[in-house]
Amino acid sequence: MNYQWYPGHMTKAKRQMQEDIRLIDLVIELVDARIPKSSRNPDIDELGKHKARLILLNKADLADEKYNNLWADEFIGKGFHVLQINSKSGQGLKAIQGIVREACQEKIARDRRRGILNRPVRAMVVGIPNVGKSTFINSYAGKACTKTGNKPGVTRGKQWIRLNKDLELLDTPGILWPKFEDQLVGLKLAIIGSIKDDIIDIGELALKIIDFMNEHYPQVIPKRYSILEFTDNYEALKMICLNRRCFLKGEELDLARAAGIIVDDLRSGRFGRITLDRI
């Protein structure tokens, strides 16, 4: 299956971001800690190439801790400031103000030399759909400033949020890029829910998840679904279908329902801490 999703509003959003970047001191990029590389829009590096940069490894609680640390080191080595966070629980958010000052120390020093003492840092919050930008902003601000949702495409327009006297955030819509050169990237984006489910084959997605888990986390599928040996991924799907009592009329297996359970279990963290991007 070809994984691709680039609706028209993303082109408009990208143009708006290109216009707004001149107002910005810092680009805060949220990535999904389960796919830190695959969830980075390559256009963002071009957009923010002359700005201070902060990468937030969001949903770090759902990702393999070993790989969280490896990816953080990888990004730091490329010159980014990095934090591991969980927007829902607030984990890691207290460190943001300090790291923002660190990332923008040149801008702050420049303002002081010019006699400008009270201008807040202006940061653009960017990332792909469903990576948790709005949840991050609401959690960090301590109030509901933006719309949130567990599906891609909730935020459609820009929003300025004044957090305190030192920091203003510009929320932006989640944008992908026009073509995934590597279809494995598209697959991983589909797995975590950054591509709309209506345009993908959930059954195929579930089989890919089973395949990945068998290779990298071989105990998860047998333990989660109480199944023992299986010869291939399709047989595993059928066994899960039986164990979860997913039936259509009579005894006909409802494979689509079982596939949906598998996809939802991974996205919701019921498999434990999983990282799909290896390093």
C-alpha atoms as a PDB file:
ATOM      1  CA  MET A   1       0.000   0.000   0.000  1.00  0.00           C
ATOM      2  CA  ASN A   2       1.137   3.537  -0.774  1.00  0.00           C
ATOM      3  CA  TYR A   3       1.079   5.737   2.343  1.00  0.00           C
ATOM      4  CA  GLN A   4       0.544   9.386   1.457  1.00  0.00           C
ATOM      5  CA  TRP A   5      -1.629  12.235   2.773  1.00  0.00           C
ATOM      6  CA  TYR A   6      -1.225  15.895   1.892  1.00  0.00           C
ATOM      7  CA  PRO A   7      -4.592  17.728   1.845  1.00  0.00           C
ATOM      8  CA  GLY A   8      -4.842  21.238   0.432  1.00  0.00           C
ATOM      9  CA  HIS A   9      -4.980  23.043   3.773  1.00  0.00           C
ATOM     10  CA  MET A  10      -1.399  21.914   4.474  1.00  0.00           C
ATOM     11  CA  THR A  11      -0.091  23.875   1.484  1.00  0.00           C
ATOM     12  CA  LYS A  12      -1.856  26.982   2.787  1.00  0.00           C
ATOM     13  CA  ALA A  13      -0.537  26.372   6.318  1.00  0.00           C
ATOM     14  CA  LYS A  14       3.028  26.003   5.061  1.00  0.00           C
ATOM     15  CA  ARG A  15       2.806  29.320   3.179  1.00  0.00           C
ATOM     16  CA  GLN A  16       1.490  31.033   6.312  1.00  0.00           C
ATOM     17  CA  MET A  17       4.342  29.610   8.397  1.00  0.00           C
ATOM     18  CA  GLN A  18       6.857  30.903   5.852  1.00  0.00           C
ATOM     19  CA  GLU A  19       5.356  34.383   6.259  1.00  0.00           C
ATOM     20  CA  ASP A  20       5.246  34.212  10.060  1.00  0.00           C
ATOM     21  CA  ILE A  21       8.798  32.934  10.570  1.00  0.00           C
ATOM     22  CA  ARG A  22      10.186  36.495  10.340  1.00  0.00           C
ATOM     23  CA  LEU A  23       8.354  37.280  13.605  1.00  0.00           C
ATOM     24  CA  ILE A  24       9.884  34.291  15.400  1.00  0.00           C
ATOM     25  CA  ASP A  25      12.936  33.886  17.677  1.00  0.00           C
ATOM     26  CA  LEU A  26      12.631  30.145  18.339  1.00  0.00           C
ATOM     27  CA  VAL A  27      11.150  27.139  16.571  1.00  0.00           C
ATOM     28  CA  ILE A  28       9.788  24.518  18.994  1.00  0.00           C
ATOM     29  CA  GLU A  29       9.359  21.280  17.074  1.00  0.00           C
ATOM     30  CA  LEU A  30       7.350  18.446  18.609  1.00  0.00           C
ATOM     31  CA  VAL A  31       8.135  14.938  17.415  1.00  0.00           C
ATOM     32  CA  ASP A  32       6.591  11.640  18.475  1.00  0.00           C
ATOM     33  CA  ALA A  33       9.190   9.877  20.639  1.00  0.00           C
ATOM     34  CA  ARG A  34       8.147   6.525  19.140  1.00  0.00           C
ATOM     35  CA  ILE A  35       9.267   7.711  15.697  1.00  0.00           C
ATOM     36  CA  PRO A  36      11.616  10.665  16.333  1.00  0.00           C
ATOM     37  CA  LYS A  37      13.098  10.649  12.848  1.00  0.00           C
ATOM     38  CA  SER A  38      10.025   9.705  10.827  1.00  0.00           C
ATOM     39  CA  SER A  39       7.868  12.338  12.557  1.00  0.00           C
ATOM     40  CA  ARG A  40      10.212  15.186  11.618  1.00  0.00           C
ATOM     41  CA  ASN A  41       8.944  17.141   8.633  1.00  0.00           C
ATOM     42  CA  PRO A  42      12.090  17.839   6.521  1.00  0.00           C
ATOM     43  CA  ASP A  43      10.617  21.207   5.482  1.00  0.00           C
ATOM     44  CA  ILE A  44      10.942  22.459   9.075  1.00  0.00           C
ATOM     45  CA  ASP A  45      14.755  22.524   8.922  1.00  0.00           C
ATOM     46  CA  GLU A  46      14.617  24.824   5.898  1.00  0.00           C
ATOM     47  CA  LEU A  47      11.917  26.969   7.514  1.00  0.00           C
ATOM     48  CA  GLY A  48      13.828  27.445  10.767  1.00  0.00           C
ATOM     49  CA  LYS A  49      17.433  27.387   9.534  1.00  0.00           C
ATOM     50  CA  HIS A  50      18.269  30.847  10.915  1.00  0.00           C
ATOM     51  CA  LYS A  51      16.334  30.448  14.176  1.00  0.00           C
ATOM     52  CA  ALA A  52      17.079  28.933  17.577  1.00  0.00           C
ATOM     53  CA  ARG A  53      15.737  25.366  17.691  1.00  0.00           C
ATOM     54  CA  LEU A  54      14.182  23.178  20.378  1.00  0.00           C
ATOM     55  CA  ILE A  55      13.014  19.612  19.757  1.00  0.00           C
ATOM     56  CA  LEU A  56      10.508  18.139  22.209  1.00  0.00           C
ATOM     57  CA  LEU A  57      10.357  14.339  22.239  1.00  0.00           C
ATOM     58  CA  ASN A  58       6.661  14.163  23.094  1.00  0.00           C
ATOM     59  CA  LYS A  59       4.881  11.014  24.320  1.00  0.00           C
ATOM     60  CA  ALA A  60       8.221   9.913  25.749  1.00  0.00           C
ATOM     61  CA  ASP A  61       6.315   7.746  28.215  1.00  0.00           C
ATOM     62  CA  LEU A  62       5.088   5.581  25.313  1.00  0.00           C
ATOM     63  CA  ALA A  63       8.557   5.118  23.813  1.00  0.00           C
ATOM     64  CA  ASP A  64      11.419   2.809  24.730  1.00  0.00           C
ATOM     65  CA  GLU A  65      13.527   4.706  27.288  1.00  0.00           C
ATOM     66  CA  LYS A  66      16.800   3.471  25.788  1.00  0.00           C
ATOM     67  CA  TYR A  67      15.904   4.936  22.396  1.00  0.00           C
ATOM     68  CA  ASN A  68      14.584   8.166  23.928  1.00  0.00           C
ATOM     69  CA  ASN A  69      18.073   8.824  25.270  1.00  0.00           C
ATOM     70  CA  LEU A  70      19.800   7.750  22.042  1.00  0.00           C
ATOM     71  CA  TRP A  71      17.621  10.015  19.897  1.00  0.00           C
ATOM     72  CA  ALA A  72      18.046  12.925  22.312  1.00  0.00           C
ATOM     73  CA  ASP A  73      21.830  12.554  22.012  1.00  0.00           C
ATOM     74  CA  GLU A  74      21.511  12.322  18.219  1.00  0.00           C
ATOM     75  CA  PHE A  75      19.603  15.608  17.985  1.00  0.00           C
ATOM     76  CA  ILE A  76      21.858  17.377  20.491  1.00  0.00           C
ATOM     77  CA  GLY A  77      24.821  16.308  18.353  1.00  0.00           C
ATOM     78  CA  LYS A  78      23.189  18.113  15.410  1.00  0.00           C
ATOM     79  CA  GLY A  79      22.965  21.355  17.360  1.00  0.00           C
ATOM     80  CA  PHE A  80      19.380  21.214  18.637  1.00  0.00           C
ATOM     81  CA  HIS A  81      18.241  21.778  22.201  1.00  0.00           C
ATOM     82  CA  VAL A  82      16.206  18.734  23.290  1.00  0.00           C
ATOM     83  CA  LEU A  83      13.756  17.725  26.023  1.00  0.00           C
ATOM     84  CA  GLN A  84      11.813  14.530  26.630  1.00  0.00           C
ATOM     85  CA  ILE A  85       8.236  15.340  27.641  1.00  0.00           C
ATOM     86  CA  ASN A  86       4.758  13.932  28.170  1.00  0.00           C
ATOM     87  CA  SER A  87       2.285  16.697  27.366  1.00  0.00           C
ATOM     88  CA  LYS A  88      -0.678  14.893  28.916  1.00  0.00           C
ATOM     89  CA  SER A  89       0.884  14.388  32.338  1.00  0.00           C
ATOM     90  CA  GLY A  90       3.063  17.501  32.259  1.00  0.00           C
ATOM     91  CA  GLN A  91       6.273  15.496  32.645  1.00  0.00           C
ATOM     92  CA  GLY A  92       9.308  17.566  31.608  1.00  0.00           C
ATOM     93  CA  LEU A  93       7.408  20.822  31.080  1.00  0.00           C
ATOM     94  CA  LYS A  94       8.979  22.628  34.052  1.00  0.00           C
ATOM     95  CA  ALA A  95      12.355  22.523  32.291  1.00  0.00           C
ATOM     96  CA  ILE A  96      11.104  24.313  29.182  1.00  0.00           C
ATOM     97  CA  GLN A  97      11.416  27.926  30.376  1.00  0.00           C
ATOM     98  CA  GLY A  98      15.069  27.397  31.284  1.00  0.00           C
ATOM     99  CA  ILE A  99      15.944  25.667  28.020  1.00  0.00           C
ATOM    100  CA  VAL A 100      14.131  28.389  26.038  1.00  0.00           C
ATOM    101  CA  ARG A 101      16.344  31.011  27.726  1.00  0.00           C
ATOM    102  CA  GLU A 102      19.394  28.886  26.951  1.00  0.00           C
ATOM    103  CA  ALA A 103      18.409  28.448  23.302  1.00  0.00           C
ATOM    104  CA  CYS A 104      17.681  32.162  22.904  1.00  0.00           C
ATOM    105  CA  GLN A 105      20.537  33.590  24.943  1.00  0.00           C
ATOM    106  CA  GLU A 106      21.997  35.388  21.909  1.00  0.00           C
ATOM    107  CA  LYS A 107      18.646  37.049  21.168  1.00  0.00           C
ATOM    108  CA  ILE A 108      18.177  38.036  24.827  1.00  0.00           C
ATOM    109  CA  ALA A 109      21.719  39.474  25.012  1.00  0.00           C
ATOM    110  CA  ARG A 110      21.154  41.364  21.739  1.00  0.00           C
ATOM    111  CA  ASP A 111      17.933  42.891  23.096  1.00  0.00           C
ATOM    112  CA  ARG A 112      19.713  44.000  26.270  1.00  0.00           C
ATOM    113  CA  ARG A 113      22.452  45.709  24.262  1.00  0.00           C
ATOM    114  CA  ARG A 114      19.720  47.619  22.448  1.00  0.00           C
ATOM    115  CA  GLY A 115      18.026  48.558  25.719  1.00  0.00           C
ATOM    116  CA  ILE A 116      15.078  46.218  25.113  1.00  0.00           C
ATOM    117  CA  LEU A 117      14.444  44.475  28.429  1.00  0.00           C
ATOM    118  CA  ASN A 118      10.879  43.190  28.416  1.00  0.00           C
ATOM    119  CA  ARG A 119      10.226  41.736  24.966  1.00  0.00           C
ATOM    120  CA  PRO A 120       9.157  38.078  25.298  1.00  0.00           C
ATOM    121  CA  VAL A 121      10.682  35.288  23.260  1.00  0.00           C
ATOM    122  CA  ARG A 122       8.362  34.472  20.375  1.00  0.00           C
ATOM    123  CA  ALA A 123       8.298  30.764  19.579  1.00  0.00           C
ATOM    124  CA  MET A 124       6.560  28.946  16.736  1.00  0.00           C
ATOM    125  CA  VAL A 125       5.260  25.499  17.734  1.00  0.00           C
ATOM    126  CA  VAL A 126       5.472  23.123  14.779  1.00  0.00           C
ATOM    127  CA  GLY A 127       5.079  19.434  14.031  1.00  0.00           C
ATOM    128  CA  ILE A 128       3.216  16.843  12.016  1.00  0.00           C
ATOM    129  CA  PRO A 129      -0.486  16.069  12.600  1.00  0.00           C
ATOM    130  CA  ASN A 130      -1.464  14.314  15.830  1.00  0.00           C
ATOM    131  CA  VAL A 131       1.932  14.767  17.475  1.00  0.00           C
ATOM    132  CA  GLY A 132       0.418  16.634  20.431  1.00  0.00           C
ATOM    133  CA  LYS A 133       1.134  20.323  19.781  1.00  0.00           C
ATOM    134  CA  SER A 134      -2.167  21.626  21.139  1.00  0.00           C
ATOM    135  CA  THR A 135      -2.064  19.306  24.152  1.00  0.00           C
ATOM    136  CA  PHE A 136       1.454  20.567  24.872  1.00  0.00           C
ATOM    137  CA  ILE A 137       0.402  24.220  24.712  1.00  0.00           C
ATOM    138  CA  ASN A 138      -2.682  23.695  26.885  1.00  0.00           C
ATOM    139  CA  SER A 139      -0.718  21.703  29.438  1.00  0.00           C
ATOM    140  CA  TYR A 140       2.147  24.181  29.521  1.00  0.00           C
ATOM    141  CA  ALA A 141      -0.197  27.168  29.787  1.00  0.00           C
ATOM    142  CA  GLY A 142      -2.297  25.422  32.456  1.00  0.00           C
ATOM    143  CA  LYS A 143      -5.521  26.154  30.584  1.00  0.00           C
ATOM    144  CA  ALA A 144      -7.353  25.232  27.409  1.00  0.00           C
ATOM    145  CA  CYS A 145      -5.924  27.652  24.833  1.00  0.00           C
ATOM    146  CA  THR A 146      -6.317  25.468  21.742  1.00  0.00           C
ATOM    147  CA  LYS A 147      -8.495  22.700  20.410  1.00  0.00           C
ATOM    148  CA  THR A 148      -7.175  19.178  20.901  1.00  0.00           C
ATOM    149  CA  GLY A 149      -8.060  15.779  19.495  1.00  0.00           C
ATOM    150  CA  ASN A 150      -6.711  12.285  18.996  1.00  0.00           C
ATOM    151  CA  LYS A 151      -6.939  12.518  15.235  1.00  0.00           C
ATOM    152  CA  PRO A 152      -4.916  14.522  12.707  1.00  0.00           C
ATOM    153  CA  GLY A 153      -6.043  17.882  11.425  1.00  0.00           C
ATOM    154  CA  VAL A 154      -7.698  19.419  14.526  1.00  0.00           C
ATOM    155  CA  THR A 155      -5.731  22.692  14.404  1.00  0.00           C
ATOM    156  CA  ARG A 156      -6.356  24.508  11.109  1.00  0.00           C
ATOM    157  CA  GLY A 157      -5.248  28.115  11.697  1.00  0.00           C
ATOM    158  CA  LYS A 158      -2.528  29.958  13.580  1.00  0.00           C
ATOM    159  CA  GLN A 159      -3.060  31.058  17.197  1.00  0.00           C
ATOM    160  CA  TRP A 160      -0.878  33.325  19.364  1.00  0.00           C
ATOM    161  CA  ILE A 161      -0.774  32.375  23.050  1.00  0.00           C
ATOM    162  CA  ARG A 162       0.861  34.652  25.649  1.00  0.00           C
ATOM    163  CA  LEU A 163       2.126  32.308  28.373  1.00  0.00           C
ATOM    164  CA  ASN A 164       3.927  34.809  30.579  1.00  0.00           C
ATOM    165  CA  LYS A 165       6.006  37.960  30.300  1.00  0.00           C
ATOM    166  CA  ASP A 166       8.924  35.973  28.871  1.00  0.00           C
ATOM    167  CA  LEU A 167       7.305  33.707  26.281  1.00  0.00           C
ATOM    168  CA  GLU A 168       4.697  33.859  23.530  1.00  0.00           C
ATOM    169  CA  LEU A 169       3.786  30.803  21.466  1.00  0.00           C
ATOM    170  CA  LEU A 170       2.423  30.677  17.936  1.00  0.00           C
ATOM    171  CA  ASP A 171       0.474  27.460  17.459  1.00  0.00           C
ATOM    172  CA  THR A 172       0.402  26.189  13.877  1.00  0.00           C
ATOM    173  CA  PRO A 173      -1.499  23.413  12.085  1.00  0.00           C
ATOM    174  CA  GLY A 174       0.178  20.036  11.749  1.00  0.00           C
ATOM    175  CA  ILE A 175       1.703  19.655   8.305  1.00  0.00           C
ATOM    176  CA  LEU A 176       3.236  16.733   6.464  1.00  0.00           C
ATOM    177  CA  TRP A 177       5.276  17.032   3.285  1.00  0.00           C
ATOM    178  CA  PRO A 178       4.067  16.387  -0.269  1.00  0.00           C
ATOM    179  CA  LYS A 179       5.835  13.075  -0.898  1.00  0.00           C
ATOM    180  CA  PHE A 180       7.378  10.443   1.364  1.00  0.00           C
ATOM    181  CA  GLU A 181      10.527   9.301  -0.407  1.00  0.00           C
ATOM    182  CA  ASP A 182      10.674   6.306   1.922  1.00  0.00           C
ATOM    183  CA  GLN A 183       7.362   4.465   2.227  1.00  0.00           C
ATOM    184  CA  LEU A 184       8.531   3.042   5.568  1.00  0.00           C
ATOM    185  CA  VAL A 185       8.207   6.591   6.915  1.00  0.00           C
ATOM    186  CA  GLY A 186       4.618   6.719   5.645  1.00  0.00           C
ATOM    187  CA  LEU A 187       3.904   3.365   7.277  1.00  0.00           C
ATOM    188  CA  LYS A 188       5.185   4.552  10.660  1.00  0.00           C
ATOM    189  CA  LEU A 189       3.170   7.770  10.405  1.00  0.00           C
ATOM    190  CA  ALA A 190       0.073   5.678   9.685  1.00  0.00           C
ATOM    191  CA  ILE A 191       0.795   3.411  12.650  1.00  0.00           C
ATOM    192  CA  ILE A 192       0.889   6.275  15.175  1.00  0.00           C
ATOM    193  CA  GLY A 193      -2.162   7.991  13.651  1.00  0.00           C
ATOM    194  CA  SER A 194      -0.660  10.949  11.791  1.00  0.00           C
ATOM    195  CA  ILE A 195      -2.368   9.897   8.547  1.00  0.00           C
ATOM    196  CA  LYS A 196      -6.162   9.680   8.443  1.00  0.00           C
ATOM    197  CA  ASP A 197      -7.379   6.127   9.031  1.00  0.00           C
ATOM    198  CA  ASP A 198     -10.070   6.433   6.334  1.00  0.00           C
ATOM    199  CA  ILE A 199      -7.436   6.420   3.580  1.00  0.00           C
ATOM    200  CA  ILE A 200      -5.399   3.435   4.790  1.00  0.00           C
ATOM    201  CA  ASP A 201      -5.965  -0.316   5.081  1.00  0.00           C
ATOM    202  CA  ILE A 202      -6.178  -1.014   8.825  1.00  0.00           C
ATOM    203  CA  GLY A 203      -5.863  -4.751   8.226  1.00  0.00           C
ATOM    204  CA  GLU A 204      -2.556  -4.316   6.421  1.00  0.00           C
ATOM    205  CA  LEU A 205      -1.417  -1.895   9.120  1.00  0.00           C
ATOM    206  CA  ALA A 206      -2.132  -4.471  11.836  1.00  0.00           C
ATOM    207  CA  LEU A 207      -0.125  -7.132   9.984  1.00  0.00           C
ATOM    208  CA  LYS A 208       2.823  -4.725   9.719  1.00  0.00           C
ATOM    209  CA  ILE A 209       2.588  -4.037  13.461  1.00  0.00           C
ATOM    210  CA  ILE A 210       2.606  -7.760  14.249  1.00  0.00           C
ATOM    211  CA  ASP A 211       5.633  -8.192  11.995  1.00  0.00           C
ATOM    212  CA  PHE A 212       7.544  -5.358  13.710  1.00  0.00           C
ATOM    213  CA  MET A 213       6.665  -6.575  17.183  1.00  0.00           C
ATOM    214  CA  ASN A 214       7.770 -10.128  16.382  1.00  0.00           C
ATOM    215  CA  GLU A 215      11.157  -8.822  15.271  1.00  0.00           C
ATOM    216  CA  HIS A 216      11.865  -6.229  17.960  1.00  0.00           C
ATOM    217  CA  TYR A 217       9.564  -6.982  20.924  1.00  0.00           C
ATOM    218  CA  PRO A 218       8.784 -10.716  20.473  1.00  0.00           C
ATOM    219  CA  GLN A 219       7.048 -11.228  23.842  1.00  0.00           C
ATOM    220  CA  VAL A 220       4.473  -8.454  23.440  1.00  0.00           C
ATOM    221  CA  ILE A 221       1.960 -10.015  21.014  1.00  0.00           C
ATOM    222  CA  PRO A 222       1.844 -13.462  22.736  1.00  0.00           C
ATOM    223  CA  LYS A 223       1.466 -11.839  26.168  1.00  0.00           C
ATOM    224  CA  ARG A 224      -1.073  -9.197  25.190  1.00  0.00           C
ATOM    225  CA  TYR A 225      -3.381 -11.557  23.298  1.00  0.00           C
ATOM    226  CA  SER A 226      -2.678 -14.879  25.048  1.00  0.00           C
ATOM    227  CA  ILE A 227      -1.539 -16.628  21.883  1.00  0.00           C
ATOM    228  CA  LEU A 228       1.334 -19.057  21.619  1.00  0.00           C
ATOM    229  CA  GLU A 229       3.064 -20.164  18.428  1.00  0.00           C
ATOM    230  CA  PHE A 230       1.911 -18.938  15.032  1.00  0.00           C
ATOM    231  CA  THR A 231       3.424 -19.586  11.621  1.00  0.00           C
ATOM    232  CA  ASP A 232       2.858 -16.139  10.088  1.00  0.00           C
ATOM    233  CA  ASN A 233       1.365 -12.724  10.800  1.00  0.00           C
ATOM    234  CA  TYR A 234      -2.002 -13.559   9.227  1.00  0.00           C
ATOM    235  CA  GLU A 235      -2.380 -16.606  11.441  1.00  0.00           C
ATOM    236  CA  ALA A 236      -1.560 -14.419  14.450  1.00  0.00           C
ATOM    237  CA  LEU A 237      -4.296 -11.982  13.384  1.00  0.00           C
ATOM    238  CA  LYS A 238      -6.825 -14.824  13.139  1.00  0.00           C
ATOM    239  CA  MET A 239      -5.821 -16.148  16.575  1.00  0.00           C
ATOM    240  CA  ILE A 240      -6.226 -12.680  18.072  1.00  0.00           C
ATOM    241  CA  CYS A 241      -9.612 -12.464  16.365  1.00  0.00           C
ATOM    242  CA  LEU A 242     -10.690 -15.726  18.056  1.00  0.00           C
ATOM    243  CA  ASN A 243      -9.327 -14.796  21.460  1.00  0.00           C
ATOM    244  CA  ARG A 244     -11.014 -11.395  21.418  1.00  0.00           C
ATOM    245  CA  ARG A 245     -14.297 -12.907  20.154  1.00  0.00           C
ATOM    246  CA  CYS A 246     -14.345 -10.784  17.016  1.00  0.00           C
ATOM    247  CA  PHE A 247     -17.080 -12.395  14.918  1.00  0.00           C
ATOM    248  CA  LEU A 248     -19.456 -11.342  12.182  1.00  0.00           C
ATOM    249  CA  LYS A 249     -22.571 -13.463  11.610  1.00  0.00           C
ATOM    250  CA  GLY A 250     -22.232 -16.950  12.984  1.00  0.00           C
ATOM    251  CA  GLU A 251     -18.599 -17.944  13.405  1.00  0.00           C
ATOM    252  CA  GLU A 252     -17.183 -15.793  10.592  1.00  0.00           C
ATOM    253  CA  LEU A 253     -14.089 -13.947  11.796  1.00  0.00           C
ATOM    254  CA  ASP A 254     -14.245 -10.156  11.932  1.00  0.00           C
ATOM    255  CA  LEU A 255     -10.621  -9.550  10.988  1.00  0.00           C
ATOM    256  CA  ALA A 256     -11.162  -5.824  10.501  1.00  0.00           C
ATOM    257  CA  ARG A 257     -12.293  -5.433  14.107  1.00  0.00           C
ATOM    258  CA  ALA A 258      -9.323  -7.432  15.407  1.00  0.00           C
ATOM    259  CA  ALA A 259      -6.979  -5.311  13.273  1.00  0.00           C
ATOM    260  CA  GLY A 260      -8.485  -2.158  14.785  1.00  0.00           C
ATOM    261  CA  ILE A 261      -7.860  -3.522  18.284  1.00  0.00           C
ATOM    262  CA  ILE A 262      -4.175  -4.121  17.482  1.00  0.00           C
ATOM    263  CA  VAL A 263      -3.672  -0.640  16.017  1.00  0.00           C
ATOM    264  CA  ASP A 264      -5.469   1.002  18.948  1.00  0.00           C
ATOM    265  CA  ASP A 265      -3.501  -1.037  21.494  1.00  0.00           C
ATOM    266  CA  LEU A 266      -0.194   0.148  20.040  1.00  0.00           C
ATOM    267  CA  ARG A 267      -1.271   3.791  19.768  1.00  0.00           C
ATOM    268  CA  SER A 268      -2.630   3.797  23.317  1.00  0.00           C
ATOM    269  CA  GLY A 269       0.513   2.338  24.854  1.00  0.00           C
ATOM    270  CA  ARG A 270      -1.045  -0.993  25.854  1.00  0.00           C
ATOM    271  CA  PHE A 271       1.928  -2.805  24.317  1.00  0.00           C
ATOM    272  CA  GLY A 272       4.239  -1.026  26.738  1.00  0.00           C
ATOM    273  CA  ARG A 273       7.025   1.321  25.703  1.00  0.00           C
ATOM    274  CA  ILE A 274       7.662   0.872  21.971  1.00  0.00           C
ATOM    275  CA  THR A 275      10.025   2.712  19.602  1.00  0.00           C
ATOM    276  CA  LEU A 276       9.615   2.147  15.861  1.00  0.00           C
ATOM    277  CA  ASP A 277      12.558   4.289  14.706  1.00  0.00           C
ATOM    278  CA  ARG A 278      15.778   2.500  15.551  1.00  0.00           C
ATOM    279  CA  ILE A 279      19.213   4.076  15.788  1.00  0.00           C
END
